[in-house]
């Protein structure tokens, strides 16, 4: 299911309902899902692009840390366009003592953050 601004509100609500119920195991969402959603059991968030500011990034990956759970967040980081966010991103990772798995492929960096912190 897809959750994005281009969909009607009822379509977004249906996609969210299907994901929450477990009927659909994967939800693809744009930044429309960055804030205001509280979905129990989300254990992995994949960001295909770096948000414009670090606060939005924290809200996006916060989907995995709800209700006392820990989780994993993967970010596709393109140094050609995302370099300005590197310093605040590293600060966040240090603050929550995250383990970072880094994969590099054709100048695109995939960062996977594993944290025991429940306060991301």
PDB file of N, CA and C in Angstrom:
ATOM      1  N   UNK A   1       0.846  -1.187   0.000  1.00  0.00           N
ATOM      2  CA  UNK A   1       0.000   0.000   0.000  1.00  0.00           C
ATOM      3  C   UNK A   1       0.884   1.240   0.000  1.00  0.00           C
ATOM      4  N   UNK A   2       0.327   2.310  -0.514  1.00  0.00           N
ATOM      5  CA  UNK A   2       1.065   3.568  -0.620  1.00  0.00           C
ATOM      6  C   UNK A   2       0.316   4.662   0.135  1.00  0.00           C
ATOM      7  N   UNK A   3       1.085   5.423   0.906  1.00  0.00           N
ATOM      8  CA  UNK A   3       0.531   6.533   1.671  1.00  0.00           C
ATOM      9  C   UNK A   3       1.255   7.795   1.212  1.00  0.00           C
ATOM     10  N   UNK A   4       0.570   8.637   0.418  1.00  0.00           N
ATOM     11  CA  UNK A   4       1.202   9.855  -0.095  1.00  0.00           C
ATOM     12  C   UNK A   4       0.149  10.940  -0.306  1.00  0.00           C
ATOM     13  N   UNK A   5       0.625  12.153  -0.523  1.00  0.00           N
ATOM     14  CA  UNK A   5      -0.267  13.312  -0.705  1.00  0.00           C
ATOM     15  C   UNK A   5      -1.130  13.203  -1.959  1.00  0.00           C
ATOM     16  N   UNK A   6      -0.665  12.473  -2.970  1.00  0.00           N
ATOM     17  CA  UNK A   6      -1.401  12.365  -4.229  1.00  0.00           C
ATOM     18  C   UNK A   6      -2.655  11.502  -4.112  1.00  0.00           C
ATOM     19  N   UNK A   7      -2.823  10.828  -3.017  1.00  0.00           N
ATOM     20  CA  UNK A   7      -3.997   9.967  -2.816  1.00  0.00           C
ATOM     21  C   UNK A   7      -5.087  10.734  -2.079  1.00  0.00           C
ATOM     22  N   UNK A   8      -6.311  10.308  -2.306  1.00  0.00           N
ATOM     23  CA  UNK A   8      -7.438  10.887  -1.568  1.00  0.00           C
ATOM     24  C   UNK A   8      -7.302  10.507  -0.092  1.00  0.00           C
ATOM     25  N   UNK A   9      -7.887  11.307   0.783  1.00  0.00           N
ATOM     26  CA  UNK A   9      -7.804  11.038   2.224  1.00  0.00           C
ATOM     27  C   UNK A   9      -8.338   9.646   2.558  1.00  0.00           C
ATOM     28  N   UNK A  10      -9.443   9.249   1.951  1.00  0.00           N
ATOM     29  CA  UNK A  10     -10.011   7.932   2.256  1.00  0.00           C
ATOM     30  C   UNK A  10      -9.068   6.814   1.814  1.00  0.00           C
ATOM     31  N   UNK A  11      -8.317   7.024   0.714  1.00  0.00           N
ATOM     32  CA  UNK A  11      -7.342   6.029   0.256  1.00  0.00           C
ATOM     33  C   UNK A  11      -6.166   5.930   1.235  1.00  0.00           C
ATOM     34  N   UNK A  12      -5.741   7.080   1.758  1.00  0.00           N
ATOM     35  CA  UNK A  12      -4.663   7.073   2.758  1.00  0.00           C
ATOM     36  C   UNK A  12      -5.113   6.362   4.026  1.00  0.00           C
ATOM     37  N   UNK A  13      -6.342   6.643   4.451  1.00  0.00           N
ATOM     38  CA  UNK A  13      -6.870   5.991   5.657  1.00  0.00           C
ATOM     39  C   UNK A  13      -7.001   4.483   5.456  1.00  0.00           C
ATOM     40  N   UNK A  14      -7.416   4.070   4.275  1.00  0.00           N
ATOM     41  CA  UNK A  14      -7.544   2.641   3.970  1.00  0.00           C
ATOM     42  C   UNK A  14      -6.171   1.961   3.975  1.00  0.00           C
ATOM     43  N   UNK A  15      -5.173   2.599   3.379  1.00  0.00           N
ATOM     44  CA  UNK A  15      -3.818   2.042   3.357  1.00  0.00           C
ATOM     45  C   UNK A  15      -3.280   1.899   4.775  1.00  0.00           C
ATOM     46  N   UNK A  16      -3.488   2.909   5.592  1.00  0.00           N
ATOM     47  CA  UNK A  16      -3.035   2.875   6.974  1.00  0.00           C
ATOM     48  C   UNK A  16      -3.753   1.789   7.771  1.00  0.00           C
ATOM     49  N   UNK A  17      -5.056   1.691   7.588  1.00  0.00           N
ATOM     50  CA  UNK A  17      -5.850   0.664   8.277  1.00  0.00           C
ATOM     51  C   UNK A  17      -5.377  -0.744   7.890  1.00  0.00           C
ATOM     52  N   UNK A  18      -5.139  -0.957   6.604  1.00  0.00           N
ATOM     53  CA  UNK A  18      -4.679  -2.268   6.141  1.00  0.00           C
ATOM     54  C   UNK A  18      -3.299  -2.615   6.695  1.00  0.00           C
ATOM     55  N   UNK A  19      -2.438  -1.612   6.805  1.00  0.00           N
ATOM     56  CA  UNK A  19      -1.103  -1.851   7.365  1.00  0.00           C
ATOM     57  C   UNK A  19      -1.187  -2.145   8.857  1.00  0.00           C
ATOM     58  N   UNK A  20      -1.951  -1.340   9.581  1.00  0.00           N
ATOM     59  CA  UNK A  20      -2.100  -1.544  11.031  1.00  0.00           C
ATOM     60  C   UNK A  20      -2.693  -2.906  11.363  1.00  0.00           C
ATOM     61  N   UNK A  21      -3.616  -3.365  10.545  1.00  0.00           N
ATOM     62  CA  UNK A  21      -4.280  -4.648  10.812  1.00  0.00           C
ATOM     63  C   UNK A  21      -3.398  -5.841  10.451  1.00  0.00           C
ATOM     64  N   UNK A  22      -2.331  -5.599   9.698  1.00  0.00           N
ATOM     65  CA  UNK A  22      -1.462  -6.683   9.272  1.00  0.00           C
ATOM     66  C   UNK A  22      -1.866  -7.291   7.943  1.00  0.00           C
ATOM     67  N   UNK A  23      -2.964  -6.817   7.392  1.00  0.00           N
ATOM     68  CA  UNK A  23      -3.423  -7.317   6.092  1.00  0.00           C
ATOM     69  C   UNK A  23      -2.383  -7.046   5.013  1.00  0.00           C
ATOM     70  N   UNK A  24      -1.694  -5.903   5.125  1.00  0.00           N
ATOM     71  CA  UNK A  24      -0.621  -5.526   4.212  1.00  0.00           C
ATOM     72  C   UNK A  24       0.651  -5.366   5.062  1.00  0.00           C
ATOM     73  N   UNK A  25       1.699  -6.169   4.783  1.00  0.00           N
ATOM     74  CA  UNK A  25       2.889  -6.138   5.642  1.00  0.00           C
ATOM     75  C   UNK A  25       3.849  -4.980   5.393  1.00  0.00           C
ATOM     76  N   UNK A  26       3.741  -4.307   4.252  1.00  0.00           N
ATOM     77  CA  UNK A  26       4.655  -3.213   3.913  1.00  0.00           C
ATOM     78  C   UNK A  26       3.849  -1.985   3.519  1.00  0.00           C
ATOM     79  N   UNK A  27       4.233  -0.852   4.078  1.00  0.00           N
ATOM     80  CA  UNK A  27       3.604   0.417   3.745  1.00  0.00           C
ATOM     81  C   UNK A  27       4.676   1.331   3.158  1.00  0.00           C
ATOM     82  N   UNK A  28       4.453   1.812   1.958  1.00  0.00           N
ATOM     83  CA  UNK A  28       5.353   2.773   1.322  1.00  0.00           C
ATOM     84  C   UNK A  28       4.720   4.144   1.527  1.00  0.00           C
ATOM     85  N   UNK A  29       5.507   5.049   2.120  1.00  0.00           N
ATOM     86  CA  UNK A  29       4.941   6.352   2.450  1.00  0.00           C
ATOM     87  C   UNK A  29       5.911   7.475   2.124  1.00  0.00           C
ATOM     88  N   UNK A  30       5.364   8.611   1.791  1.00  0.00           N
ATOM     89  CA  UNK A  30       6.164   9.816   1.598  1.00  0.00           C
ATOM     90  C   UNK A  30       6.236  10.531   2.938  1.00  0.00           C
ATOM     91  N   UNK A  31       6.721  11.759   2.920  1.00  0.00           N
ATOM     92  CA  UNK A  31       6.849  12.520   4.161  1.00  0.00           C
ATOM     93  C   UNK A  31       5.507  12.798   4.819  1.00  0.00           C
ATOM     94  N   UNK A  32       4.409  12.500   4.140  1.00  0.00           N
ATOM     95  CA  UNK A  32       3.088  12.663   4.753  1.00  0.00           C
ATOM     96  C   UNK A  32       2.966  11.792   6.007  1.00  0.00           C
ATOM     97  N   UNK A  33       3.772  10.741   6.087  1.00  0.00           N
ATOM     98  CA  UNK A  33       3.729   9.834   7.244  1.00  0.00           C
ATOM     99  C   UNK A  33       4.803  10.152   8.279  1.00  0.00           C
ATOM    100  N   UNK A  34       5.526  11.234   8.115  1.00  0.00           N
ATOM    101  CA  UNK A  34       6.635  11.532   9.021  1.00  0.00           C
ATOM    102  C   UNK A  34       6.169  11.903  10.424  1.00  0.00           C
ATOM    103  N   UNK A  35       5.010  12.504  10.533  1.00  0.00           N
ATOM    104  CA  UNK A  35       4.538  12.963  11.853  1.00  0.00           C
ATOM    105  C   UNK A  35       3.093  12.535  12.082  1.00  0.00           C
ATOM    106  N   UNK A  36       2.779  12.354  13.339  1.00  0.00           N
ATOM    107  CA  UNK A  36       1.385  12.162  13.721  1.00  0.00           C
ATOM    108  C   UNK A  36       0.847  10.755  13.628  1.00  0.00           C
ATOM    109  N   UNK A  37       1.650   9.792  13.198  1.00  0.00           N
ATOM    110  CA  UNK A  37       1.171   8.419  13.137  1.00  0.00           C
ATOM    111  C   UNK A  37       1.775   7.630  14.285  1.00  0.00           C
ATOM    112  N   UNK A  38       0.963   6.877  14.969  1.00  0.00           N
ATOM    113  CA  UNK A  38       1.444   6.019  16.052  1.00  0.00           C
ATOM    114  C   UNK A  38       1.025   4.595  15.713  1.00  0.00           C
ATOM    115  N   UNK A  39       1.962   3.837  15.162  1.00  0.00           N
ATOM    116  CA  UNK A  39       1.673   2.485  14.708  1.00  0.00           C
ATOM    117  C   UNK A  39       2.549   1.520  15.488  1.00  0.00           C
ATOM    118  N   UNK A  40       1.939   0.695  16.309  1.00  0.00           N
ATOM    119  CA  UNK A  40       2.690  -0.287  17.086  1.00  0.00           C
ATOM    120  C   UNK A  40       3.259  -1.356  16.169  1.00  0.00           C
ATOM    121  N   UNK A  41       4.435  -1.856  16.524  1.00  0.00           N
ATOM    122  CA  UNK A  41       5.009  -2.988  15.810  1.00  0.00           C
ATOM    123  C   UNK A  41       5.817  -2.676  14.580  1.00  0.00           C
ATOM    124  N   UNK A  42       6.076  -1.407  14.287  1.00  0.00           N
ATOM    125  CA  UNK A  42       6.930  -1.080  13.145  1.00  0.00           C
ATOM    126  C   UNK A  42       8.366  -1.329  13.590  1.00  0.00           C
ATOM    127  N   UNK A  43       9.049  -2.257  12.912  1.00  0.00           N
ATOM    128  CA  UNK A  43      10.405  -2.571  13.346  1.00  0.00           C
ATOM    129  C   UNK A  43      11.481  -2.154  12.354  1.00  0.00           C
ATOM    130  N   UNK A  44      11.089  -1.639  11.194  1.00  0.00           N
ATOM    131  CA  UNK A  44      12.091  -1.183  10.232  1.00  0.00           C
ATOM    132  C   UNK A  44      11.496  -0.080   9.354  1.00  0.00           C
ATOM    133  N   UNK A  45      12.185   1.054   9.324  1.00  0.00           N
ATOM    134  CA  UNK A  45      11.807   2.174   8.466  1.00  0.00           C
ATOM    135  C   UNK A  45      12.935   2.375   7.468  1.00  0.00           C
ATOM    136  N   UNK A  46      12.598   2.457   6.191  1.00  0.00           N
ATOM    137  CA  UNK A  46      13.595   2.690   5.147  1.00  0.00           C
ATOM    138  C   UNK A  46      13.328   4.055   4.527  1.00  0.00           C
ATOM    139  N   UNK A  47      14.327   4.923   4.581  1.00  0.00           N
ATOM    140  CA  UNK A  47      14.242   6.253   3.983  1.00  0.00           C
ATOM    141  C   UNK A  47      14.997   6.235   2.668  1.00  0.00           C
ATOM    142  N   UNK A  48      14.278   6.448   1.569  1.00  0.00           N
ATOM    143  CA  UNK A  48      14.911   6.440   0.263  1.00  0.00           C
ATOM    144  C   UNK A  48      15.562   7.767  -0.069  1.00  0.00           C
ATOM    145  N   UNK A  49      15.323   8.762   0.766  1.00  0.00           N
ATOM    146  CA  UNK A  49      15.970  10.061   0.590  1.00  0.00           C
ATOM    147  C   UNK A  49      16.107  10.730   1.946  1.00  0.00           C
ATOM    148  N   UNK A  50      17.120  11.543   2.074  1.00  0.00           N
ATOM    149  CA  UNK A  50      17.349  12.280   3.305  1.00  0.00           C
ATOM    150  C   UNK A  50      16.369  13.447   3.351  1.00  0.00           C
ATOM    151  N   UNK A  51      15.647  13.602   4.463  1.00  0.00           N
ATOM    152  CA  UNK A  51      14.747  14.754   4.580  1.00  0.00           C
ATOM    153  C   UNK A  51      15.531  16.073   4.562  1.00  0.00           C
ATOM    154  N   UNK A  52      14.817  17.151   4.397  1.00  0.00           N
ATOM    155  CA  UNK A  52      15.438  18.471   4.312  1.00  0.00           C
ATOM    156  C   UNK A  52      16.017  18.938   5.643  1.00  0.00           C
ATOM    157  N   UNK A  53      15.515  18.405   6.765  1.00  0.00           N
ATOM    158  CA  UNK A  53      16.051  18.801   8.065  1.00  0.00           C
ATOM    159  C   UNK A  53      16.091  17.593   8.998  1.00  0.00           C
ATOM    160  N   UNK A  54      16.940  17.679   9.996  1.00  0.00           N
ATOM    161  CA  UNK A  54      17.181  16.538  10.880  1.00  0.00           C
ATOM    162  C   UNK A  54      15.959  16.224  11.750  1.00  0.00           C
ATOM    163  N   UNK A  55      15.153  17.228  12.074  1.00  0.00           N
ATOM    164  CA  UNK A  55      13.960  16.987  12.883  1.00  0.00           C
ATOM    165  C   UNK A  55      12.984  16.060  12.157  1.00  0.00           C
ATOM    166  N   UNK A  56      12.804  16.280  10.862  1.00  0.00           N
ATOM    167  CA  UNK A  56      11.918  15.402  10.098  1.00  0.00           C
ATOM    168  C   UNK A  56      12.485  13.987  10.049  1.00  0.00           C
ATOM    169  N   UNK A  57      13.805  13.872   9.929  1.00  0.00           N
ATOM    170  CA  UNK A  57      14.428  12.554   9.926  1.00  0.00           C
ATOM    171  C   UNK A  57      14.147  11.821  11.234  1.00  0.00           C
ATOM    172  N   UNK A  58      14.296  12.518  12.356  1.00  0.00           N
ATOM    173  CA  UNK A  58      14.037  11.910  13.664  1.00  0.00           C
ATOM    174  C   UNK A  58      12.589  11.446  13.756  1.00  0.00           C
ATOM    175  N   UNK A  59      11.657  12.237  13.251  1.00  0.00           N
ATOM    176  CA  UNK A  59      10.248  11.826  13.270  1.00  0.00           C
ATOM    177  C   UNK A  59      10.018  10.608  12.391  1.00  0.00           C
ATOM    178  N   UNK A  60      10.685  10.572  11.237  1.00  0.00           N
ATOM    179  CA  UNK A  60      10.524   9.413  10.352  1.00  0.00           C
ATOM    180  C   UNK A  60      11.011   8.129  11.011  1.00  0.00           C
ATOM    181  N   UNK A  61      12.223   8.158  11.561  1.00  0.00           N
ATOM    182  CA  UNK A  61      12.746   6.924  12.146  1.00  0.00           C
ATOM    183  C   UNK A  61      12.104   6.618  13.486  1.00  0.00           C
ATOM    184  N   UNK A  62      11.455   7.612  14.069  1.00  0.00           N
ATOM    185  CA  UNK A  62      10.763   7.397  15.334  1.00  0.00           C
ATOM    186  C   UNK A  62       9.620   6.404  15.238  1.00  0.00           C
ATOM    187  N   UNK A  63       9.200   6.083  14.022  1.00  0.00           N
ATOM    188  CA  UNK A  63       8.158   5.059  13.832  1.00  0.00           C
ATOM    189  C   UNK A  63       8.584   3.738  14.460  1.00  0.00           C
ATOM    190  N   UNK A  64       9.916   3.476  14.528  1.00  0.00           N
ATOM    191  CA  UNK A  64      10.384   2.195  15.068  1.00  0.00           C
ATOM    192  C   UNK A  64      10.506   2.220  16.582  1.00  0.00           C
ATOM    193  N   UNK A  65      10.472   3.377  17.204  1.00  0.00           N
ATOM    194  CA  UNK A  65      10.705   3.461  18.634  1.00  0.00           C
ATOM    195  C   UNK A  65       9.464   3.749  19.453  1.00  0.00           C
ATOM    196  N   UNK A  66       8.314   3.485  18.918  1.00  0.00           N
ATOM    197  CA  UNK A  66       7.068   3.749  19.619  1.00  0.00           C
ATOM    198  C   UNK A  66       6.744   2.640  20.612  1.00  0.00           C
ATOM    199  N   UNK A  67       6.023   2.973  21.632  1.00  0.00           N
ATOM    200  CA  UNK A  67       5.489   2.008  22.604  1.00  0.00           C
ATOM    201  C   UNK A  67       6.599   1.181  23.256  1.00  0.00           C
ATOM    202  N   UNK A  68       7.763   1.781  23.498  1.00  0.00           N
ATOM    203  CA  UNK A  68       8.842   1.083  24.172  1.00  0.00           C
ATOM    204  C   UNK A  68       9.606   0.092  23.325  1.00  0.00           C
ATOM    205  N   UNK A  69       9.411   0.103  22.019  1.00  0.00           N
ATOM    206  CA  UNK A  69      10.098  -0.836  21.135  1.00  0.00           C
ATOM    207  C   UNK A  69      11.391  -0.232  20.607  1.00  0.00           C
ATOM    208  N   UNK A  70      12.281  -1.104  20.171  1.00  0.00           N
ATOM    209  CA  UNK A  70      13.476  -0.661  19.463  1.00  0.00           C
ATOM    210  C   UNK A  70      13.325  -1.105  18.018  1.00  0.00           C
ATOM    211  N   UNK A  71      14.171  -0.607  17.151  1.00  0.00           N
ATOM    212  CA  UNK A  71      14.025  -0.988  15.761  1.00  0.00           C
ATOM    213  C   UNK A  71      15.222  -0.625  14.929  1.00  0.00           C
ATOM    214  N   UNK A  72      15.005  -0.644  13.647  1.00  0.00           N
ATOM    215  CA  UNK A  72      16.058  -0.427  12.670  1.00  0.00           C
ATOM    216  C   UNK A  72      15.585   0.635  11.688  1.00  0.00           C
ATOM    217  N   UNK A  73      16.515   1.501  11.291  1.00  0.00           N
ATOM    218  CA  UNK A  73      16.216   2.513  10.285  1.00  0.00           C
ATOM    219  C   UNK A  73      17.309   2.472   9.233  1.00  0.00           C
ATOM    220  N   UNK A  74      16.912   2.417   7.978  1.00  0.00           N
ATOM    221  CA  UNK A  74      17.861   2.428   6.876  1.00  0.00           C
ATOM    222  C   UNK A  74      17.667   3.718   6.099  1.00  0.00           C
ATOM    223  N   UNK A  75      18.774   4.356   5.763  1.00  0.00           N
ATOM    224  CA  UNK A  75      18.750   5.621   5.028  1.00  0.00           C
ATOM    225  C   UNK A  75      19.630   5.480   3.799  1.00  0.00           C
ATOM    226  N   UNK A  76      19.100   5.811   2.641  1.00  0.00           N
ATOM    227  CA  UNK A  76      19.912   5.905   1.437  1.00  0.00           C
ATOM    228  C   UNK A  76      20.434   7.343   1.382  1.00  0.00           C
ATOM    229  N   UNK A  77      21.714   7.489   1.601  1.00  0.00           N
ATOM    230  CA  UNK A  77      22.360   8.796   1.750  1.00  0.00           C
ATOM    231  C   UNK A  77      23.219   9.055   0.519  1.00  0.00           C
ATOM    232  N   UNK A  78      22.887  10.081  -0.231  1.00  0.00           N
ATOM    233  CA  UNK A  78      23.641  10.436  -1.427  1.00  0.00           C
ATOM    234  C   UNK A  78      24.551  11.617  -1.085  1.00  0.00           C
ATOM    235  N   UNK A  79      25.865  11.401  -1.002  1.00  0.00           N
ATOM    236  CA  UNK A  79      26.749  12.490  -0.603  1.00  0.00           C
ATOM    237  C   UNK A  79      26.735  13.675  -1.568  1.00  0.00           C
ATOM    238  N   UNK A  80      26.301  13.455  -2.793  1.00  0.00           N
ATOM    239  CA  UNK A  80      26.233  14.565  -3.751  1.00  0.00           C
ATOM    240  C   UNK A  80      25.129  15.551  -3.388  1.00  0.00           C
ATOM    241  N   UNK A  81      24.062  15.075  -2.738  1.00  0.00           N
ATOM    242  CA  UNK A  81      22.939  15.964  -2.400  1.00  0.00           C
ATOM    243  C   UNK A  81      22.690  16.076  -0.903  1.00  0.00           C
ATOM    244  N   UNK A  82      23.192  15.138  -0.111  1.00  0.00           N
ATOM    245  CA  UNK A  82      22.858  15.082   1.315  1.00  0.00           C
ATOM    246  C   UNK A  82      23.996  15.476   2.243  1.00  0.00           C
ATOM    247  N   UNK A  83      25.120  15.896   1.702  1.00  0.00           N
ATOM    248  CA  UNK A  83      26.299  16.156   2.513  1.00  0.00           C
ATOM    249  C   UNK A  83      26.054  17.181   3.622  1.00  0.00           C
ATOM    250  N   UNK A  84      25.226  18.165   3.375  1.00  0.00           N
ATOM    251  CA  UNK A  84      24.944  19.186   4.395  1.00  0.00           C
ATOM    252  C   UNK A  84      24.291  18.590   5.640  1.00  0.00           C
ATOM    253  N   UNK A  85      23.649  17.440   5.500  1.00  0.00           N
ATOM    254  CA  UNK A  85      22.975  16.810   6.642  1.00  0.00           C
ATOM    255  C   UNK A  85      23.889  15.840   7.400  1.00  0.00           C
ATOM    256  N   UNK A  86      25.109  15.647   6.919  1.00  0.00           N
ATOM    257  CA  UNK A  86      26.002  14.656   7.532  1.00  0.00           C
ATOM    258  C   UNK A  86      26.302  14.980   8.998  1.00  0.00           C
ATOM    259  N   UNK A  87      26.663  16.196   9.310  1.00  0.00           N
ATOM    260  CA  UNK A  87      27.032  16.553  10.687  1.00  0.00           C
ATOM    261  C   UNK A  87      25.856  16.372  11.663  1.00  0.00           C
ATOM    262  N   UNK A  88      24.654  16.916  11.384  1.00  0.00           N
ATOM    263  CA  UNK A  88      23.553  16.689  12.319  1.00  0.00           C
ATOM    264  C   UNK A  88      23.152  15.213  12.405  1.00  0.00           C
ATOM    265  N   UNK A  89      23.303  14.480  11.313  1.00  0.00           N
ATOM    266  CA  UNK A  89      22.981  13.060  11.329  1.00  0.00           C
ATOM    267  C   UNK A  89      23.938  12.300  12.245  1.00  0.00           C
ATOM    268  N   UNK A  90      25.223  12.579  12.137  1.00  0.00           N
ATOM    269  CA  UNK A  90      26.212  11.926  13.002  1.00  0.00           C
ATOM    270  C   UNK A  90      25.954  12.273  14.462  1.00  0.00           C
ATOM    271  N   UNK A  91      25.600  13.516  14.749  1.00  0.00           N
ATOM    272  CA  UNK A  91      25.311  13.910  16.131  1.00  0.00           C
ATOM    273  C   UNK A  91      24.157  13.087  16.697  1.00  0.00           C
ATOM    274  N   UNK A  92      23.084  12.931  15.929  1.00  0.00           N
ATOM    275  CA  UNK A  92      21.944  12.125  16.374  1.00  0.00           C
ATOM    276  C   UNK A  92      22.384  10.694  16.659  1.00  0.00           C
ATOM    277  N   UNK A  93      23.182  10.121  15.779  1.00  0.00           N
ATOM    278  CA  UNK A  93      23.630   8.736  15.943  1.00  0.00           C
ATOM    279  C   UNK A  93      24.495   8.570  17.182  1.00  0.00           C
ATOM    280  N   UNK A  94      25.372   9.531  17.426  1.00  0.00           N
ATOM    281  CA  UNK A  94      26.215   9.477  18.619  1.00  0.00           C
ATOM    282  C   UNK A  94      25.354   9.623  19.872  1.00  0.00           C
ATOM    283  N   UNK A  95      24.383  10.525  19.845  1.00  0.00           N
ATOM    284  CA  UNK A  95      23.521  10.757  21.005  1.00  0.00           C
ATOM    285  C   UNK A  95      22.749   9.513  21.419  1.00  0.00           C
ATOM    286  N   UNK A  96      22.353   8.689  20.456  1.00  0.00           N
ATOM    287  CA  UNK A  96      21.570   7.490  20.790  1.00  0.00           C
ATOM    288  C   UNK A  96      22.407   6.213  20.750  1.00  0.00           C
ATOM    289  N   UNK A  97      23.727   6.367  20.600  1.00  0.00           N
ATOM    290  CA  UNK A  97      24.653   5.228  20.585  1.00  0.00           C
ATOM    291  C   UNK A  97      24.234   4.168  19.577  1.00  0.00           C
ATOM    292  N   UNK A  98      24.006   4.570  18.360  1.00  0.00           N
ATOM    293  CA  UNK A  98      23.587   3.641  17.317  1.00  0.00           C
ATOM    294  C   UNK A  98      24.768   2.901  16.714  1.00  0.00           C
ATOM    295  N   UNK A  99      24.526   1.672  16.347  1.00  0.00           N
ATOM    296  CA  UNK A  99      25.457   0.905  15.527  1.00  0.00           C
ATOM    297  C   UNK A  99      25.079   1.196  14.087  1.00  0.00           C
ATOM    298  N   UNK A 100      26.056   1.462  13.233  1.00  0.00           N
ATOM    299  CA  UNK A 100      25.763   1.836  11.848  1.00  0.00           C
ATOM    300  C   UNK A 100      26.392   0.822  10.895  1.00  0.00           C
ATOM    301  N   UNK A 101      25.565   0.228  10.047  1.00  0.00           N
ATOM    302  CA  UNK A 101      26.027  -0.646   8.978  1.00  0.00           C
ATOM    303  C   UNK A 101      26.029   0.192   7.703  1.00  0.00           C
ATOM    304  N   UNK A 102      27.183   0.302   7.054  1.00  0.00           N
ATOM    305  CA  UNK A 102      27.312   1.164   5.886  1.00  0.00           C
ATOM    306  C   UNK A 102      27.597   0.318   4.644  1.00  0.00           C
ATOM    307  N   UNK A 103      26.790   0.499   3.622  1.00  0.00           N
ATOM    308  CA  UNK A 103      27.000  -0.144   2.329  1.00  0.00           C
ATOM    309  C   UNK A 103      27.116   0.949   1.281  1.00  0.00           C
ATOM    310  N   UNK A 104      28.106   0.846   0.411  1.00  0.00           N
ATOM    311  CA  UNK A 104      28.298   1.859  -0.624  1.00  0.00           C
ATOM    312  C   UNK A 104      28.174   1.193  -1.991  1.00  0.00           C
ATOM    313  N   UNK A 105      27.335   1.773  -2.856  1.00  0.00           N
ATOM    314  CA  UNK A 105      27.126   1.234  -4.193  1.00  0.00           C
ATOM    315  C   UNK A 105      26.914   2.394  -5.157  1.00  0.00           C
ATOM    316  N   UNK A 106      27.803   2.547  -6.116  1.00  0.00           N
ATOM    317  CA  UNK A 106      27.690   3.612  -7.126  1.00  0.00           C
ATOM    318  C   UNK A 106      27.426   4.989  -6.511  1.00  0.00           C
ATOM    319  N   UNK A 107      28.214   5.383  -5.554  1.00  0.00           N
ATOM    320  CA  UNK A 107      28.120   6.685  -4.890  1.00  0.00           C
ATOM    321  C   UNK A 107      26.886   6.864  -4.020  1.00  0.00           C
ATOM    322  N   UNK A 108      26.087   5.837  -3.854  1.00  0.00           N
ATOM    323  CA  UNK A 108      24.943   5.927  -2.962  1.00  0.00           C
ATOM    324  C   UNK A 108      25.294   5.149  -1.704  1.00  0.00           C
ATOM    325  N   UNK A 109      25.129   5.743  -0.568  1.00  0.00           N
ATOM    326  CA  UNK A 109      25.494   5.121   0.692  1.00  0.00           C
ATOM    327  C   UNK A 109      24.227   4.683   1.402  1.00  0.00           C
ATOM    328  N   UNK A 110      24.173   3.426   1.778  1.00  0.00           N
ATOM    329  CA  UNK A 110      23.050   2.907   2.546  1.00  0.00           C
ATOM    330  C   UNK A 110      23.501   2.770   3.990  1.00  0.00           C
ATOM    331  N   UNK A 111      22.843   3.467   4.887  1.00  0.00           N
ATOM    332  CA  UNK A 111      23.171   3.425   6.313  1.00  0.00           C
ATOM    333  C   UNK A 111      22.042   2.730   7.055  1.00  0.00           C
ATOM    334  N   UNK A 112      22.353   1.698   7.808  1.00  0.00           N
ATOM    335  CA  UNK A 112      21.353   1.031   8.625  1.00  0.00           C
ATOM    336  C   UNK A 112      21.739   1.256  10.078  1.00  0.00           C
ATOM    337  N   UNK A 113      20.808   1.794  10.847  1.00  0.00           N
ATOM    338  CA  UNK A 113      21.053   2.130  12.242  1.00  0.00           C
ATOM    339  C   UNK A 113      20.350   1.135  13.133  1.00  0.00           C
ATOM    340  N   UNK A 114      21.113   0.538  14.019  1.00  0.00           N
ATOM    341  CA  UNK A 114      20.556  -0.394  14.991  1.00  0.00           C
ATOM    342  C   UNK A 114      20.787   0.212  16.356  1.00  0.00           C
ATOM    343  N   UNK A 115      19.762   0.357  17.112  1.00  0.00           N
ATOM    344  CA  UNK A 115      19.904   1.003  18.409  1.00  0.00           C
ATOM    345  C   UNK A 115      19.089   0.294  19.460  1.00  0.00           C
ATOM    346  N   UNK A 116      19.660   0.217  20.662  1.00  0.00           N
ATOM    347  CA  UNK A 116      18.908  -0.289  21.799  1.00  0.00           C
ATOM    348  C   UNK A 116      18.141   0.832  22.463  1.00  0.00           C
ATOM    349  N   UNK A 117      18.402   2.062  22.038  1.00  0.00           N
ATOM    350  CA  UNK A 117      17.726   3.208  22.623  1.00  0.00           C
ATOM    351  C   UNK A 117      16.266   3.239  22.236  1.00  0.00           C
ATOM    352  N   UNK A 118      15.417   3.528  23.201  1.00  0.00           N
ATOM    353  CA  UNK A 118      13.989   3.650  22.935  1.00  0.00           C
ATOM    354  C   UNK A 118      13.595   5.120  22.832  1.00  0.00           C
ATOM    355  N   UNK A 119      14.598   5.982  22.804  1.00  0.00           N
ATOM    356  CA  UNK A 119      14.323   7.417  22.804  1.00  0.00           C
ATOM    357  C   UNK A 119      14.830   8.101  21.552  1.00  0.00           C
ATOM    358  N   UNK A 120      14.798   7.414  20.405  1.00  0.00           N
ATOM    359  CA  UNK A 120      15.253   8.019  19.146  1.00  0.00           C
ATOM    360  C   UNK A 120      14.260   9.057  18.713  1.00  0.00           C
TER     361      UNK A 120
END
